[in-house]
Amino acid sequence: MTREQALTEARAAADRAKEMADRAESFARNYSHEYVETFAAAGGLWADVSRAYAAIAAAQTDTRTEV
């Protein structure tokens, strides 16, 4: 996995975390509260995935050449 691939995966996972957080907030405000915890937990897991990919990217050197 390249640094850029890891960053792409980190961004995608962060987007999913935000989606889950938005759903949790929506359910908390407008609907049944029984799903809030589930969406919040899923958002937390996606945030962990995002941080893991970001750490992988940070550990790699940037091999792009400047033009």
N, C-alpha and C. Protein backbone atom coordinates (compact mmCIF):
# COMPACT_ATOMS: atom_id res chain seq x y z
N MET A 1 0.84 -1.17 0.00
CA MET A 1 0.00 0.00 0.00
C MET A 1 0.89 1.24 0.00
N THR A 2 0.60 2.14 -0.91
CA THR A 2 1.37 3.37 -0.98
C THR A 2 0.83 4.38 0.03
N ARG A 3 1.61 5.42 0.22
CA ARG A 3 1.19 6.50 1.13
C ARG A 3 -0.11 7.12 0.64
N GLU A 4 -0.20 7.37 -0.66
CA GLU A 4 -1.40 7.98 -1.22
C GLU A 4 -2.62 7.07 -1.06
N GLN A 5 -2.43 5.77 -1.23
CA GLN A 5 -3.54 4.84 -1.03
C GLN A 5 -4.01 4.86 0.42
N ALA A 6 -3.06 4.89 1.34
CA ALA A 6 -3.42 4.94 2.76
C ALA A 6 -4.18 6.22 3.09
N LEU A 7 -3.74 7.35 2.50
CA LEU A 7 -4.45 8.61 2.73
C LEU A 7 -5.85 8.58 2.13
N THR A 8 -5.99 7.96 0.98
CA THR A 8 -7.31 7.83 0.36
C THR A 8 -8.23 7.00 1.24
N GLU A 9 -7.72 5.91 1.76
CA GLU A 9 -8.52 5.06 2.66
C GLU A 9 -8.87 5.80 3.95
N ALA A 10 -7.92 6.58 4.47
CA ALA A 10 -8.17 7.36 5.68
C ALA A 10 -9.29 8.37 5.45
N ARG A 11 -9.25 9.03 4.30
CA ARG A 11 -10.31 10.01 3.98
C ARG A 11 -11.66 9.33 3.84
N ALA A 12 -11.68 8.19 3.16
CA ALA A 12 -12.95 7.47 2.97
C ALA A 12 -13.52 7.02 4.31
N ALA A 13 -12.67 6.52 5.18
CA ALA A 13 -13.13 6.08 6.50
C ALA A 13 -13.60 7.26 7.34
N ALA A 14 -12.93 8.40 7.22
CA ALA A 14 -13.37 9.60 7.94
C ALA A 14 -14.74 10.05 7.44
N ASP A 15 -14.96 9.94 6.14
CA ASP A 15 -16.28 10.27 5.59
C ASP A 15 -17.35 9.36 6.16
N ARG A 16 -17.05 8.06 6.25
CA ARG A 16 -18.02 7.11 6.83
C ARG A 16 -18.28 7.43 8.30
N ALA A 17 -17.23 7.79 9.02
CA ALA A 17 -17.40 8.15 10.44
C ALA A 17 -18.34 9.34 10.57
N LYS A 18 -18.16 10.33 9.69
CA LYS A 18 -19.04 11.50 9.73
C LYS A 18 -20.48 11.11 9.39
N GLU A 19 -20.67 10.25 8.40
CA GLU A 19 -22.01 9.79 8.05
C GLU A 19 -22.69 9.13 9.25
N MET A 20 -21.96 8.27 9.94
CA MET A 20 -22.53 7.58 11.10
C MET A 20 -22.84 8.56 12.22
N ALA A 21 -21.96 9.53 12.43
CA ALA A 21 -22.20 10.54 13.47
C ALA A 21 -23.43 11.38 13.12
N ASP A 22 -23.56 11.73 11.84
CA ASP A 22 -24.73 12.49 11.41
C ASP A 22 -26.01 11.69 11.62
N ARG A 23 -25.97 10.41 11.31
CA ARG A 23 -27.15 9.56 11.52
C ARG A 23 -27.49 9.45 13.00
N ALA A 24 -26.48 9.27 13.83
CA ALA A 24 -26.71 9.18 15.27
C ALA A 24 -27.36 10.47 15.77
N GLU A 25 -26.87 11.61 15.31
CA GLU A 25 -27.44 12.88 15.73
C GLU A 25 -28.88 13.02 15.24
N SER A 26 -29.12 12.62 14.01
CA SER A 26 -30.47 12.70 13.46
C SER A 26 -31.45 11.84 14.24
N PHE A 27 -31.05 10.62 14.54
CA PHE A 27 -31.92 9.75 15.32
C PHE A 27 -32.13 10.30 16.72
N ALA A 28 -31.10 10.89 17.30
CA ALA A 28 -31.23 11.45 18.64
C ALA A 28 -32.21 12.62 18.67
N ARG A 29 -32.25 13.36 17.60
CA ARG A 29 -33.12 14.54 17.55
C ARG A 29 -34.54 14.24 17.08
N ASN A 30 -34.67 13.29 16.15
CA ASN A 30 -35.93 13.16 15.43
C ASN A 30 -36.64 11.82 15.53
N TYR A 31 -35.92 10.79 15.85
CA TYR A 31 -36.51 9.46 15.75
C TYR A 31 -36.31 8.69 17.06
N SER A 32 -36.41 7.41 16.92
CA SER A 32 -36.23 6.51 18.06
C SER A 32 -34.78 6.56 18.55
N HIS A 33 -34.62 6.62 19.83
CA HIS A 33 -33.28 6.68 20.41
C HIS A 33 -32.59 5.32 20.44
N GLU A 34 -33.30 4.26 20.07
CA GLU A 34 -32.71 2.93 20.15
C GLU A 34 -31.56 2.74 19.17
N TYR A 35 -31.49 3.54 18.10
CA TYR A 35 -30.43 3.38 17.10
C TYR A 35 -29.25 4.31 17.33
N VAL A 36 -29.39 5.26 18.21
CA VAL A 36 -28.33 6.25 18.42
C VAL A 36 -27.02 5.58 18.81
N GLU A 37 -27.08 4.70 19.78
CA GLU A 37 -25.86 4.04 20.26
C GLU A 37 -25.20 3.22 19.16
N THR A 38 -26.00 2.55 18.36
CA THR A 38 -25.46 1.73 17.27
C THR A 38 -24.73 2.58 16.25
N PHE A 39 -25.36 3.68 15.81
CA PHE A 39 -24.70 4.55 14.83
C PHE A 39 -23.48 5.24 15.43
N ALA A 40 -23.57 5.63 16.69
CA ALA A 40 -22.43 6.27 17.34
C ALA A 40 -21.25 5.30 17.45
N ALA A 41 -21.53 4.05 17.78
CA ALA A 41 -20.46 3.05 17.87
C ALA A 41 -19.84 2.78 16.50
N ALA A 42 -20.69 2.70 15.48
CA ALA A 42 -20.17 2.49 14.12
C ALA A 42 -19.31 3.67 13.70
N GLY A 43 -19.74 4.87 14.04
CA GLY A 43 -18.93 6.05 13.73
C GLY A 43 -17.59 6.02 14.42
N GLY A 44 -17.58 5.57 15.66
CA GLY A 44 -16.32 5.45 16.40
C GLY A 44 -15.38 4.44 15.77
N LEU A 45 -15.94 3.33 15.30
CA LEU A 45 -15.11 2.32 14.64
C LEU A 45 -14.52 2.86 13.33
N TRP A 46 -15.33 3.56 12.54
CA TRP A 46 -14.82 4.14 11.30
C TRP A 46 -13.76 5.20 11.59
N ALA A 47 -13.92 5.94 12.67
CA ALA A 47 -12.90 6.92 13.05
C ALA A 47 -11.59 6.22 13.41
N ASP A 48 -11.68 5.08 14.10
CA ASP A 48 -10.49 4.29 14.42
C ASP A 48 -9.80 3.81 13.15
N VAL A 49 -10.60 3.34 12.19
CA VAL A 49 -10.04 2.88 10.91
C VAL A 49 -9.33 4.03 10.21
N SER A 50 -9.96 5.19 10.21
CA SER A 50 -9.34 6.37 9.58
C SER A 50 -8.01 6.70 10.23
N ARG A 51 -7.97 6.68 11.56
CA ARG A 51 -6.72 6.97 12.27
C ARG A 51 -5.65 5.93 11.96
N ALA A 52 -6.05 4.67 11.81
CA ALA A 52 -5.07 3.62 11.50
C ALA A 52 -4.46 3.85 10.12
N TYR A 53 -5.29 4.15 9.14
CA TYR A 53 -4.75 4.42 7.80
C TYR A 53 -3.90 5.69 7.79
N ALA A 54 -4.30 6.69 8.54
CA ALA A 54 -3.49 7.91 8.62
C ALA A 54 -2.13 7.62 9.24
N ALA A 55 -2.10 6.74 10.23
CA ALA A 55 -0.82 6.36 10.85
C ALA A 55 0.06 5.60 9.86
N ILE A 56 -0.55 4.74 9.06
CA ILE A 56 0.21 4.02 8.03
C ILE A 56 0.81 5.02 7.05
N ALA A 57 0.00 5.99 6.62
CA ALA A 57 0.50 7.00 5.69
C ALA A 57 1.62 7.82 6.31
N ALA A 58 1.47 8.16 7.57
CA ALA A 58 2.49 8.97 8.25
C ALA A 58 3.81 8.23 8.40
N ALA A 59 3.73 6.91 8.50
CA ALA A 59 4.94 6.12 8.68
C ALA A 59 5.71 5.92 7.38
N GLN A 60 5.06 6.19 6.27
CA GLN A 60 5.72 6.01 4.98
C GLN A 60 6.30 7.33 4.51
N THR A 61 7.33 7.23 3.72
CA THR A 61 7.93 8.44 3.15
C THR A 61 7.17 8.78 1.87
N ASP A 62 7.13 10.04 1.59
CA ASP A 62 6.50 10.52 0.36
C ASP A 62 7.50 10.32 -0.78
N THR A 63 7.14 9.49 -1.74
CA THR A 63 8.05 9.16 -2.82
C THR A 63 7.76 9.94 -4.10
N ARG A 64 6.82 10.86 -4.04
CA ARG A 64 6.54 11.67 -5.22
C ARG A 64 7.70 12.61 -5.48
N THR A 65 7.96 12.87 -6.74
CA THR A 65 9.00 13.81 -7.09
C THR A 65 8.37 15.15 -7.40
N GLU A 66 9.01 16.20 -6.98
CA GLU A 66 8.51 17.54 -7.24
C GLU A 66 8.87 17.94 -8.66
N VAL A 67 7.94 18.59 -9.31
CA VAL A 67 8.16 19.05 -10.69
C VAL A 67 8.19 20.56 -10.71
